[in-house]
Amino acid sequence: MARRNFLRTAGLAGAAIAFAGCSGTTTELTAPVRSGSPTGAVVGPNGAITLDFSSDIDVLNYAYALEQLEAAFYVTAASNAAFTSIFAANEQRVLLDIRDHEVAHRDFFGAALGTAKIPNLTPAFGAISFADRTSVLQTARTFEDLGVSAYNGAARFLTDAGYLGLAGKIVSVEARHAAAIRDLLNTRSGDFAPNAFDAGNTPQFVLAAADPFIVESITVINA
C-alpha cells in the first residue's frame, strides 16, 4: 500500500470517527466540565485579543485561534479553482480529509467554549499562491508543524485533566496531518517524521509565526 494511502486509511479517514462526538453520537470528545471561574479573553476596541494563560479557558481559546487559521486555509485551498488541476485525485482526498478534520476541530472548540470563545478571526492569505501546488503544501506543512508545536508547548498550562486529555486527542491527529503533508511534498522519504520528539514551542513563538496570516493581533499573558 502506498504511504499516502496508508496515512489516509490509518490516520486521516479513521480520525474522523473520534470527532463524531461533535454531533452528539458519541462522548469521545465531549468537552470537560469547566472548573474554577475563567475570565475569558479580552478583546480590545481594535480587535486585538489578549489571552490569559492562568485560565484554562484561554488556553483553549489559543487552540481555537489556531484551528480557525488552519480550517480557513484548507477551506480556501480546496475551494480554489486550481485545486483539482494541481493535485492528483488521491492527493485531493488527503487534503479534503484534513480540511474536514480542521473544520471539526474549529467547530468543536467554538461550541465547547460557548460565550467564552474569542471572535472569528480574519485570515490574511495574500502571500499564499493557492494555484501553486508547492506553495499550498509548504504552507500546509508550516501550519501543521506549528499546530503540533503549539499544543505540545501549551499543554503544561492546562490544570484540568479533562482539557489535557482533549488536547492530546487533537494533537495526535495534527501530527498525522503533518506526516501526510510531508509525504505529499517528499513521497516515500524519511521526512514524514524527521525527529523522535516533536518540539513544544511557546505561545509567543507560535503567535509570532502565525501573525502574518491573521489580521487580528493576539497576545498571551501569564505564559
Protein backbone atom coordinates (compact mmCIF):
# COMPACT_ATOMS: atom_id res chain seq x y z
CA MET A 1 0.00 0.00 0.00
CA ALA A 2 1.39 3.44 -0.91
CA ARG A 3 2.29 5.52 2.13
CA ARG A 4 -0.15 8.29 1.26
CA ASN A 5 -2.95 5.72 1.12
CA PHE A 6 -1.83 4.17 4.40
CA LEU A 7 -1.77 7.58 6.07
CA ARG A 8 -5.22 8.33 4.77
CA THR A 9 -6.66 5.00 5.85
CA ALA A 10 -4.94 4.61 9.22
CA GLY A 11 -4.56 8.19 10.26
CA LEU A 12 -6.78 10.62 8.43
CA ALA A 13 -10.00 8.89 7.49
CA GLY A 14 -10.01 6.91 10.73
CA ALA A 15 -9.56 10.00 12.83
CA ALA A 16 -12.94 11.33 11.73
CA ILE A 17 -14.60 8.65 13.85
CA ALA A 18 -13.34 10.26 17.03
CA PHE A 19 -14.97 13.53 16.10
CA ALA A 20 -18.42 12.03 15.89
CA GLY A 21 -18.70 13.39 19.42
CA CYS A 22 -19.16 16.85 17.96
CA SER A 23 -22.56 15.77 16.65
CA GLY A 24 -23.54 14.04 19.88
CA THR A 25 -23.38 10.45 18.59
CA THR A 26 -20.54 9.54 20.98
CA THR A 27 -18.97 11.05 24.05
CA GLU A 28 -15.44 10.62 22.68
CA LEU A 29 -14.75 14.35 22.59
CA THR A 30 -17.40 15.79 24.85
CA ALA A 31 -15.99 18.97 26.36
CA PRO A 32 -14.99 18.57 30.02
CA VAL A 33 -16.96 20.47 32.66
CA ARG A 34 -15.28 23.80 33.29
CA SER A 35 -13.61 24.22 36.64
CA GLY A 36 -12.98 27.45 38.52
CA SER A 37 -14.07 30.87 37.30
CA PRO A 38 -12.34 31.53 33.97
CA THR A 39 -12.07 35.16 32.98
CA GLY A 40 -12.17 34.63 29.23
CA ALA A 41 -10.26 36.53 26.59
CA VAL A 42 -10.08 40.32 26.49
CA VAL A 43 -10.90 41.82 23.10
CA GLY A 44 -9.87 45.44 22.55
CA PRO A 45 -11.79 48.02 20.50
CA ASN A 46 -9.39 47.47 17.59
CA GLY A 47 -10.00 43.73 17.62
CA ALA A 48 -6.75 42.92 19.43
CA ILE A 49 -7.10 39.82 21.58
CA THR A 50 -5.37 39.14 24.90
CA LEU A 51 -5.40 35.59 26.24
CA ASP A 52 -4.65 34.94 29.91
CA PHE A 53 -2.99 31.55 30.32
CA SER A 54 -3.80 31.50 34.03
CA SER A 55 -7.23 30.41 32.76
CA ASP A 56 -7.67 27.01 31.11
CA ILE A 57 -10.39 28.57 29.00
CA ASP A 58 -7.94 30.94 27.37
CA VAL A 59 -5.50 28.11 26.68
CA LEU A 60 -8.38 26.50 24.79
CA ASN A 61 -9.06 29.84 23.08
CA TYR A 62 -5.44 29.77 21.92
CA ALA A 63 -6.05 26.37 20.35
CA TYR A 64 -9.32 27.68 18.90
CA ALA A 65 -7.48 30.56 17.23
CA LEU A 66 -5.02 28.20 15.56
CA GLU A 67 -7.78 25.82 14.48
CA GLN A 68 -9.61 28.76 12.92
CA LEU A 69 -6.48 29.57 10.94
CA GLU A 70 -5.92 26.01 9.76
CA ALA A 71 -9.56 25.46 8.84
CA ALA A 72 -9.67 28.70 6.85
CA PHE A 73 -6.51 27.72 4.99
CA TYR A 74 -7.75 24.30 3.88
CA VAL A 75 -11.22 25.58 3.02
CA THR A 76 -9.64 28.29 0.86
CA ALA A 77 -7.24 25.82 -0.79
CA ALA A 78 -9.97 23.29 -1.57
CA SER A 79 -12.32 25.92 -3.00
CA ASN A 80 -9.70 27.39 -5.32
CA ALA A 81 -10.39 26.77 -9.00
CA ALA A 82 -6.93 25.24 -9.46
CA PHE A 83 -7.34 22.64 -6.70
CA THR A 84 -8.38 19.77 -8.95
CA SER A 85 -5.70 20.51 -11.54
CA ILE A 86 -2.66 20.92 -9.28
CA PHE A 87 -3.43 17.90 -7.09
CA ALA A 88 -3.99 14.30 -8.18
CA ALA A 89 -7.22 12.62 -7.10
CA ASN A 90 -5.64 10.73 -4.19
CA GLU A 91 -3.91 13.93 -3.01
CA GLN A 92 -7.21 15.77 -3.14
CA ARG A 93 -8.76 13.12 -0.89
CA VAL A 94 -5.99 13.54 1.69
CA LEU A 95 -6.31 17.34 1.69
CA LEU A 96 -10.09 17.20 1.89
CA ASP A 97 -9.86 14.82 4.85
CA ILE A 98 -7.51 17.25 6.58
CA ARG A 99 -9.87 20.12 5.78
CA ASP A 100 -12.75 18.26 7.36
CA HIS A 101 -10.71 17.48 10.46
CA GLU A 102 -9.65 21.09 10.91
CA VAL A 103 -13.23 22.30 10.47
CA ALA A 104 -14.30 19.73 13.08
CA HIS A 105 -11.60 20.96 15.48
CA ARG A 106 -12.64 24.58 14.95
CA ASP A 107 -16.33 23.91 15.38
CA PHE A 108 -15.78 21.73 18.44
CA PHE A 109 -13.79 24.42 20.24
CA GLY A 110 -16.31 27.07 19.25
CA ALA A 111 -19.19 25.02 20.66
CA ALA A 112 -17.31 23.92 23.78
CA LEU A 113 -16.14 27.43 24.68
CA GLY A 114 -19.57 28.94 24.12
CA THR A 115 -19.79 32.55 25.23
CA ALA A 116 -16.15 32.44 26.42
CA LYS A 117 -14.81 31.95 22.90
CA ILE A 118 -12.83 34.60 21.03
CA PRO A 119 -14.41 36.18 17.92
CA ASN A 120 -13.99 34.76 14.45
CA LEU A 121 -10.56 35.66 13.12
CA THR A 122 -9.85 37.22 9.73
CA PRO A 123 -7.30 35.24 7.69
CA ALA A 124 -4.62 37.06 5.69
CA PHE A 125 -3.58 34.70 2.92
CA GLY A 126 -2.41 37.22 0.34
CA ALA A 127 1.14 35.84 0.30
CA ILE A 128 -0.02 32.29 -0.50
CA SER A 129 -0.44 31.18 -4.11
CA PHE A 130 -3.36 28.78 -3.92
CA ALA A 131 -2.90 27.97 -7.61
CA ASP A 132 0.58 26.58 -6.95
CA ARG A 133 0.95 23.05 -5.55
CA THR A 134 4.24 23.70 -3.78
CA SER A 135 3.00 26.92 -2.20
CA VAL A 136 -0.08 25.20 -0.80
CA LEU A 137 1.81 22.19 0.54
CA GLN A 138 4.67 24.19 2.04
CA THR A 139 2.18 26.45 3.80
CA ALA A 140 0.23 23.41 4.98
CA ARG A 141 3.44 21.92 6.39
CA THR A 142 4.17 25.18 8.19
CA PHE A 143 0.69 25.29 9.72
CA GLU A 144 0.64 21.63 10.74
CA ASP A 145 4.11 21.71 12.30
CA LEU A 146 3.18 24.94 14.06
CA GLY A 147 -0.05 23.42 15.35
CA VAL A 148 1.69 20.36 16.77
CA SER A 149 4.33 22.51 18.47
CA ALA A 150 1.62 24.82 19.83
CA TYR A 151 -0.31 22.00 21.52
CA ASN A 152 2.90 20.49 22.86
CA GLY A 153 4.04 23.83 24.24
CA ALA A 154 0.72 24.86 25.77
CA ALA A 155 -0.19 21.58 27.45
CA ARG A 156 1.76 22.42 30.61
CA PHE A 157 -0.51 25.41 31.26
CA LEU A 158 -3.66 23.28 31.49
CA THR A 159 -4.75 22.41 35.01
CA ASP A 160 -7.87 20.41 34.13
CA ALA A 161 -7.06 16.78 33.29
CA GLY A 162 -10.08 16.61 31.01
CA TYR A 163 -8.84 19.51 28.92
CA LEU A 164 -5.37 17.94 28.77
CA GLY A 165 -6.86 14.69 27.51
CA LEU A 166 -8.81 16.60 24.88
CA ALA A 167 -5.64 18.35 23.69
CA GLY A 168 -3.88 15.00 23.41
CA LYS A 169 -6.63 13.60 21.19
CA ILE A 170 -6.38 16.57 18.85
CA VAL A 171 -2.59 16.93 18.68
CA SER A 172 -2.24 13.27 17.69
CA VAL A 173 -4.43 13.94 14.66
CA GLU A 174 -2.50 17.12 13.86
CA ALA A 175 0.71 15.07 13.89
CA ARG A 176 -0.82 12.68 11.34
CA HIS A 177 -1.69 15.67 9.20
CA ALA A 178 1.91 16.88 9.39
CA ALA A 179 3.19 13.46 8.33
CA ALA A 180 0.71 13.25 5.44
CA ILE A 181 1.64 16.69 4.13
CA ARG A 182 5.34 15.85 4.32
CA ASP A 183 4.64 12.67 2.36
CA LEU A 184 2.88 14.68 -0.37
CA LEU A 185 5.88 17.01 -0.57
CA ASN A 186 8.52 14.28 -0.44
CA THR A 187 6.96 10.90 -1.16
CA ARG A 188 8.50 7.73 0.27
CA SER A 189 11.16 9.59 2.21
CA GLY A 190 12.07 9.70 5.88
CA ASP A 191 10.71 13.23 6.07
CA PHE A 192 7.35 12.10 7.47
CA ALA A 193 8.84 12.12 11.00
CA PRO A 194 12.26 13.78 10.95
CA ASN A 195 12.74 13.63 14.74
CA ALA A 196 11.96 11.21 17.55
CA PHE A 197 10.47 14.05 19.63
CA ASP A 198 8.32 16.92 18.35
CA ALA A 199 9.06 20.45 19.51
CA GLY A 200 6.90 22.28 22.02
CA ASN A 201 7.03 25.97 21.21
CA THR A 202 5.99 28.86 23.43
CA PRO A 203 2.76 30.75 22.70
CA GLN A 204 4.87 33.80 21.89
CA PHE A 205 6.84 31.90 19.25
CA VAL A 206 3.73 30.32 17.73
CA LEU A 207 1.74 33.56 17.58
CA ALA A 208 4.68 35.41 16.01
CA ALA A 209 4.82 32.74 13.29
CA ALA A 210 1.05 32.85 12.76
CA ASP A 211 0.79 36.65 12.87
CA PRO A 212 1.39 37.26 9.12
CA PHE A 213 -1.64 35.07 8.37
CA ILE A 214 -4.11 36.67 10.82
CA VAL A 215 -5.43 40.24 10.65
CA GLU A 216 -6.16 40.49 14.38
CA SER A 217 -3.35 40.80 16.90
CA ILE A 218 -3.22 38.08 19.57
CA THR A 219 -1.18 38.41 22.76
CA VAL A 220 -0.73 35.91 25.58
CA ILE A 221 -0.05 36.83 29.20
CA ASN A 222 0.94 34.63 32.15
CA ALA A 223 2.72 32.15 29.90
